[in-house]
Amino acid sequence: NRRSFLQERAPGVQWGAGAIGHAEWTGVPLHHVLERARVQPRAVEVLFEGADVGTEPDHPEPMHFARSLPLAKALHPDTLLATRMNGERLELAHGAPLRLFVPGWYGVASVKWLRRIAVIDQPFHGYFQSKKYTTERRTPAGKERIVVGPMMVKSEILRPRDADMVGVGGNRVVGLAWAGEDAIATVEISVDAGQTWNRTTLVGPQAPYSWTLWEYLWEAPSPGKYTLLSRATSVTGKVQPREYDPMYLGYQIHFSRPHVGEARPGGRRDAQVGNLDALLFDMNAFAEENRRLPLDVDTHFMSGSGI
């Protein structure tokens, strides 16, 4: 998500702050299936093909959506052939009747409407991990393409929202953080556009694959405009960056996004930190508000212009 916030427009759907979610998944660990299939020693990857077929502007021939995983990730005990989401059977939009679920990786890896699995003895170079869903990095030999895989460390401010007005004095700042295969170690917040940082309080589980809630009591000292930033750090020391790296080619957008707000005398104040019920109420209200909105890219997405 967040592609629409980049200073230089990147190709693909201009996602806003949506296109993220957090769910509980149930299914059969993929490694059980692969072990029964007796994977051969020369295997290097596992290929997954969905039932969905379509075209792209630079690929007019119809093709199935297909992605591969390194054998080690495919054999990881947490990689699932998923049949349920949040305890209920998958809906069609979420990949029913069967989908792959690769925790800690970007959603593109979790192939929906799964119809075929193949163990292969050489790297897969299909369209969706050669032309799309790749980033670049510099090497002594020049630029190298990297397949989008594990999630980057990232945080989001949920409240106050961008352009909100708050009161002078105590204001509760609430947000989320996650780090893919890592757990979150700390989240910091700046109320002066990144000049100084203060540690927030983490709430709830700090676990791999999972969102971590955080909150902070911000004492707005005087009326005026303020720029808020959040910055997360994972347990392995990965730190959320201030700027976006253009070599990510419109993917892995995890920089600290500024929220500009204004403090005014008599504005709405909420200094109630440490109240889990209030925090969960905010989360549910935020989710319900977003649920009622149309997908921010519906028209663009359905036009076949690629994601």
Protein backbone atom coordinates (compact mmCIF):
# COMPACT_ATOMS: atom_id res chain seq x y z
CA ASN A 1 0.00 0.00 0.00
CA ARG A 2 0.87 3.74 0.00
CA ARG A 3 1.95 3.91 -3.64
CA SER A 4 -0.19 7.01 -4.11
CA PHE A 5 1.93 8.82 -1.48
CA LEU A 6 5.21 8.50 -3.39
CA GLN A 7 6.73 11.76 -4.61
CA GLU A 8 7.46 10.23 -8.01
CA ARG A 9 4.61 8.22 -9.48
CA ALA A 10 5.34 4.49 -9.75
CA PRO A 11 3.58 2.22 -12.27
CA GLY A 12 0.58 0.20 -11.18
CA VAL A 13 -2.52 0.81 -9.08
CA GLN A 14 -2.19 3.92 -6.94
CA TRP A 15 -3.05 2.31 -3.60
CA GLY A 16 -3.70 4.62 -0.67
CA ALA A 17 -3.33 3.64 2.99
CA GLY A 18 -5.63 0.63 2.60
CA ALA A 19 -4.75 -2.73 1.07
CA ILE A 20 -3.55 -4.11 4.40
CA GLY A 21 -5.20 -6.55 6.78
CA HIS A 22 -4.59 -8.81 9.76
CA ALA A 23 -6.26 -12.20 10.11
CA GLU A 24 -6.01 -15.65 11.66
CA TRP A 25 -5.42 -18.43 9.13
CA THR A 26 -6.17 -22.15 9.38
CA GLY A 27 -5.04 -24.90 7.06
CA VAL A 28 -2.71 -27.81 6.39
CA PRO A 29 1.04 -27.13 6.73
CA LEU A 30 2.42 -27.41 3.22
CA HIS A 31 5.43 -29.40 4.39
CA HIS A 32 3.16 -32.35 5.27
CA VAL A 33 2.02 -32.53 1.64
CA LEU A 34 5.54 -32.13 0.26
CA GLU A 35 6.93 -34.81 2.57
CA ARG A 36 4.29 -37.27 1.44
CA ALA A 37 5.14 -36.40 -2.17
CA ARG A 38 8.81 -37.31 -1.44
CA VAL A 39 10.63 -34.23 -2.70
CA GLN A 40 13.77 -35.17 -4.61
CA PRO A 41 17.25 -33.89 -3.56
CA ARG A 42 17.65 -31.76 -6.68
CA ALA A 43 14.55 -29.65 -5.86
CA VAL A 44 15.19 -25.90 -5.40
CA GLU A 45 11.74 -24.26 -5.50
CA VAL A 46 8.03 -25.01 -5.30
CA LEU A 47 5.74 -23.48 -7.93
CA PHE A 48 2.14 -22.48 -7.19
CA GLU A 49 -0.44 -21.75 -9.88
CA GLY A 50 -3.83 -20.14 -9.35
CA ALA A 51 -6.99 -20.76 -11.34
CA ASP A 52 -7.26 -17.07 -12.26
CA VAL A 53 -6.33 -16.15 -15.83
CA GLY A 54 -5.74 -12.70 -17.28
CA THR A 55 -3.56 -10.41 -19.36
CA GLU A 56 -1.32 -7.43 -18.71
CA PRO A 57 -0.63 -4.47 -21.02
CA ASP A 58 2.81 -5.87 -21.84
CA HIS A 59 1.60 -9.48 -21.91
CA PRO A 60 -1.50 -9.72 -24.13
CA GLU A 61 -1.53 -13.54 -24.07
CA PRO A 62 -3.75 -14.97 -21.28
CA MET A 63 -1.76 -16.46 -18.41
CA HIS A 64 -2.41 -18.02 -15.02
CA PHE A 65 -1.15 -16.24 -11.93
CA ALA A 66 1.88 -18.21 -10.75
CA ARG A 67 4.62 -17.68 -8.18
CA SER A 68 7.30 -19.86 -6.61
CA LEU A 69 8.86 -20.16 -3.16
CA PRO A 70 12.37 -21.25 -2.21
CA LEU A 71 12.20 -24.82 -0.97
CA ALA A 72 13.16 -23.81 2.60
CA LYS A 73 10.23 -21.39 2.85
CA ALA A 74 7.84 -23.90 1.32
CA LEU A 75 8.93 -26.46 3.93
CA HIS A 76 8.64 -24.01 6.83
CA PRO A 77 6.05 -25.33 9.32
CA ASP A 78 4.08 -22.06 9.22
CA THR A 79 3.53 -22.04 5.44
CA LEU A 80 -0.05 -23.21 4.95
CA LEU A 81 -2.50 -24.53 2.42
CA ALA A 82 -5.25 -22.39 3.91
CA THR A 83 -8.95 -23.26 4.06
CA ARG A 84 -10.18 -20.84 6.73
CA MET A 85 -9.79 -17.17 7.59
CA ASN A 86 -10.75 -15.93 11.07
CA GLY A 87 -12.30 -19.33 11.77
CA GLU A 88 -14.66 -19.27 8.79
CA ARG A 89 -14.32 -21.06 5.48
CA LEU A 90 -12.59 -18.96 2.84
CA GLU A 91 -14.79 -16.73 0.73
CA LEU A 92 -14.24 -16.65 -3.00
CA ALA A 93 -12.64 -13.20 -2.80
CA HIS A 94 -10.06 -14.59 -0.38
CA GLY A 95 -9.07 -17.55 -2.55
CA ALA A 96 -11.66 -20.28 -1.92
CA PRO A 97 -11.64 -23.19 -1.93
CA LEU A 98 -7.88 -23.36 -1.29
CA ARG A 99 -5.08 -20.85 -1.22
CA LEU A 100 -1.46 -20.69 -0.23
CA PHE A 101 -0.61 -18.59 2.84
CA VAL A 102 2.99 -17.49 3.35
CA PRO A 103 3.22 -15.65 6.69
CA GLY A 104 5.65 -12.76 6.92
CA TRP A 105 5.80 -12.30 3.14
CA TYR A 106 3.95 -9.77 1.01
CA GLY A 107 0.51 -10.98 -0.05
CA VAL A 108 1.54 -11.60 -3.64
CA ALA A 109 3.30 -14.78 -2.47
CA SER A 110 0.06 -16.26 -1.09
CA VAL A 111 -1.40 -17.55 -4.36
CA LYS A 112 -5.22 -17.68 -4.36
CA TRP A 113 -7.58 -20.22 -5.98
CA LEU A 114 -4.76 -22.73 -5.90
CA ARG A 115 -5.03 -25.35 -8.65
CA ARG A 116 -1.50 -26.70 -9.10
CA ILE A 117 1.68 -27.25 -7.05
CA ALA A 118 4.91 -28.38 -8.70
CA VAL A 119 8.33 -29.01 -7.18
CA ILE A 120 10.96 -27.73 -9.62
CA ASP A 121 14.72 -28.15 -9.94
CA GLN A 122 15.54 -24.65 -11.23
CA PRO A 123 14.45 -21.10 -10.36
CA PHE A 124 11.10 -20.01 -11.76
CA HIS A 125 11.11 -16.84 -13.90
CA GLY A 126 7.41 -16.33 -14.50
CA TYR A 127 5.86 -12.96 -15.31
CA PHE A 128 4.81 -12.17 -11.73
CA GLN A 129 8.32 -12.50 -10.37
CA SER A 130 10.35 -11.23 -13.29
CA LYS A 131 8.34 -8.43 -14.95
CA LYS A 132 6.22 -7.58 -11.90
CA TYR A 133 6.77 -7.84 -8.14
CA THR A 134 10.52 -7.37 -8.32
CA THR A 135 12.87 -4.75 -6.95
CA GLU A 136 16.42 -3.76 -7.85
CA ARG A 137 19.70 -3.64 -5.99
CA ARG A 138 23.17 -2.54 -7.03
CA THR A 139 25.97 -5.09 -7.30
CA PRO A 140 29.56 -4.80 -8.60
CA ALA A 141 28.23 -6.23 -11.88
CA GLY A 142 25.39 -3.70 -12.12
CA LYS A 143 21.72 -3.75 -11.16
CA GLU A 144 20.18 -7.04 -10.10
CA ARG A 145 16.47 -7.93 -9.93
CA ILE A 146 15.18 -9.30 -6.62
CA VAL A 147 11.84 -11.07 -6.20
CA VAL A 148 9.54 -9.37 -3.69
CA GLY A 149 9.37 -11.65 -0.65
CA PRO A 150 9.63 -10.95 3.11
CA MET A 151 7.85 -7.86 4.44
CA MET A 152 9.82 -4.82 5.52
CA VAL A 153 9.48 -3.28 8.99
CA LYS A 154 6.74 -0.67 8.98
CA SER A 155 4.44 1.39 11.17
CA GLU A 156 1.29 3.44 10.63
CA ILE A 157 -0.32 6.21 12.66
CA LEU A 158 -4.07 5.59 12.98
CA ARG A 159 -4.95 8.47 15.26
CA PRO A 160 -4.83 11.39 14.91
CA ARG A 161 -5.44 11.06 11.19
CA ASP A 162 -3.70 13.29 8.71
CA ALA A 163 -5.09 16.87 8.85
CA ASP A 164 -6.92 16.24 12.14
CA MET A 165 -7.30 19.05 14.66
CA VAL A 166 -6.39 18.23 18.27
CA GLY A 167 -6.32 20.18 21.50
CA VAL A 168 -3.45 21.91 23.24
CA GLY A 169 -2.31 19.56 26.03
CA GLY A 170 -2.51 15.78 26.23
CA ASN A 171 -3.43 13.83 23.11
CA ARG A 172 -3.32 10.08 22.60
CA VAL A 173 -1.49 8.92 19.47
CA VAL A 174 -2.34 5.37 18.36
CA GLY A 175 -0.87 3.18 15.66
CA LEU A 176 0.25 -0.19 14.31
CA ALA A 177 3.61 -1.73 13.49
CA TRP A 178 4.75 -4.99 11.92
CA ALA A 179 7.95 -6.50 10.58
CA GLY A 180 7.07 -9.57 8.52
CA GLU A 181 8.98 -12.60 9.76
CA ASP A 182 10.33 -10.58 12.72
CA ALA A 183 8.58 -9.31 15.82
CA ILE A 184 8.51 -5.60 16.63
CA ALA A 185 11.02 -4.46 19.26
CA THR A 186 10.25 -0.73 19.54
CA VAL A 187 8.18 2.02 17.96
CA GLU A 188 9.21 5.65 18.29
CA ILE A 189 7.27 8.79 17.47
CA SER A 190 8.35 12.27 16.46
CA VAL A 191 6.08 15.32 16.75
CA ASP A 192 8.59 17.70 15.17
CA ALA A 193 9.08 16.21 11.68
CA GLY A 194 11.83 13.85 12.77
CA GLN A 195 14.12 16.17 14.74
CA THR A 196 13.55 14.27 18.00
CA TRP A 197 12.08 10.85 18.78
CA ASN A 198 10.33 9.34 21.80
CA ARG A 199 9.57 5.71 22.54
CA THR A 200 5.93 4.62 22.51
CA THR A 201 4.25 1.95 24.62
CA LEU A 202 3.66 -1.36 22.85
CA VAL A 203 0.32 -3.02 23.50
CA GLY A 204 -0.60 -6.66 22.94
CA PRO A 205 1.56 -9.39 21.41
CA GLN A 206 4.97 -8.69 19.93
CA ALA A 207 5.27 -11.72 17.67
CA PRO A 208 6.43 -12.61 14.17
CA TYR A 209 3.82 -12.11 11.41
CA SER A 210 1.63 -10.03 13.69
CA TRP A 211 0.56 -6.42 13.99
CA THR A 212 1.64 -4.74 17.22
CA LEU A 213 -0.47 -1.93 18.63
CA TRP A 214 1.27 1.09 20.14
CA GLU A 215 0.25 4.33 21.82
CA TYR A 216 1.85 7.54 23.02
CA LEU A 217 0.74 10.52 25.11
CA TRP A 218 1.62 13.64 23.16
CA GLU A 219 1.60 16.88 25.09
CA ALA A 220 0.98 19.58 22.48
CA PRO A 221 2.58 22.60 24.19
CA SER A 222 1.01 25.41 22.16
CA PRO A 223 -1.28 26.07 19.20
CA GLY A 224 0.18 25.44 15.77
CA LYS A 225 0.83 22.84 13.11
CA TYR A 226 2.77 19.69 13.92
CA THR A 227 4.23 16.94 11.74
CA LEU A 228 4.00 13.48 13.30
CA LEU A 229 6.12 10.51 12.19
CA SER A 230 6.38 6.97 13.54
CA ARG A 231 9.42 4.71 13.25
CA ALA A 232 9.48 0.97 14.02
CA THR A 233 12.45 -1.30 14.74
CA SER A 234 12.35 -5.10 14.54
CA VAL A 235 13.94 -7.54 16.99
CA THR A 236 16.72 -8.18 14.46
CA GLY A 237 17.55 -4.46 14.27
CA LYS A 238 15.82 -3.51 11.02
CA VAL A 239 14.73 0.15 11.20
CA GLN A 240 11.94 1.82 9.26
CA PRO A 241 13.53 4.43 6.94
CA ARG A 242 12.62 8.10 6.54
CA GLU A 243 12.70 8.05 2.74
CA TYR A 244 11.53 5.71 0.01
CA ASP A 245 14.14 3.90 -2.07
CA PRO A 246 13.20 4.26 -5.78
CA MET A 247 14.99 0.98 -6.49
CA TYR A 248 11.97 -0.72 -4.91
CA LEU A 249 10.09 0.14 -8.14
CA GLY A 250 6.77 0.90 -6.46
CA TYR A 251 6.85 -2.04 -4.02
CA GLN A 252 7.93 -2.42 -0.37
CA ILE A 253 6.75 1.09 0.50
CA HIS A 254 7.62 1.29 4.19
CA PHE A 255 9.04 4.76 4.85
CA SER A 256 7.75 6.89 7.75
CA ARG A 257 4.75 8.74 6.31
CA PRO A 258 4.21 12.27 7.73
CA HIS A 259 0.90 13.14 9.37
CA VAL A 260 0.36 16.91 9.57
CA GLY A 261 -2.09 18.08 12.20
CA GLU A 262 -3.00 21.25 14.04
CA ALA A 263 -3.35 21.89 17.77
CA ARG A 264 -5.84 24.54 18.83
CA PRO A 265 -7.13 25.75 22.19
CA GLY A 266 -10.39 23.99 22.92
CA GLY A 267 -9.75 21.27 20.35
CA ARG A 268 -10.60 17.63 21.01
CA ARG A 269 -8.29 16.10 23.59
CA ASP A 270 -7.91 12.50 24.70
CA ALA A 271 -5.20 11.74 27.24
CA GLN A 272 -6.55 8.29 28.16
CA VAL A 273 -3.53 6.06 27.56
CA GLY A 274 -3.18 2.56 28.98
CA ASN A 275 -6.84 1.74 28.41
CA LEU A 276 -7.00 -1.36 26.22
CA ASP A 277 -10.76 -1.06 25.70
CA ALA A 278 -10.35 2.47 24.34
CA LEU A 279 -7.52 1.33 22.07
CA LEU A 280 -9.56 -1.55 20.65
CA PHE A 281 -12.53 0.76 20.21
CA ASP A 282 -10.34 3.05 18.09
CA MET A 283 -9.14 0.10 16.03
CA ASN A 284 -12.66 -1.17 15.39
CA ALA A 285 -13.96 2.31 14.57
CA PHE A 286 -11.09 2.85 12.13
CA ALA A 287 -11.74 -0.51 10.46
CA GLU A 288 -15.50 0.07 10.25
CA GLU A 289 -15.01 3.50 8.71
CA ASN A 290 -12.67 2.10 6.08
CA ARG A 291 -14.94 -0.89 5.38
CA ARG A 292 -17.72 1.44 4.24
CA LEU A 293 -15.46 3.15 1.71
CA PRO A 294 -15.12 1.82 -1.84
CA LEU A 295 -11.76 0.29 -2.64
CA ASP A 296 -9.60 3.31 -3.42
CA VAL A 297 -8.51 1.78 -6.73
CA ASP A 298 -11.62 -0.14 -7.87
CA THR A 299 -11.90 1.51 -11.26
CA HIS A 300 -8.20 1.39 -12.01
CA PHE A 301 -7.90 -2.20 -10.81
CA MET A 302 -10.75 -3.45 -12.99
CA SER A 303 -9.37 -1.70 -16.07
CA GLY A 304 -6.59 -4.27 -16.35
CA SER A 305 -3.75 -1.83 -15.78
CA GLY A 306 -1.90 -4.13 -13.37
CA ILE A 307 -1.27 -3.98 -9.63
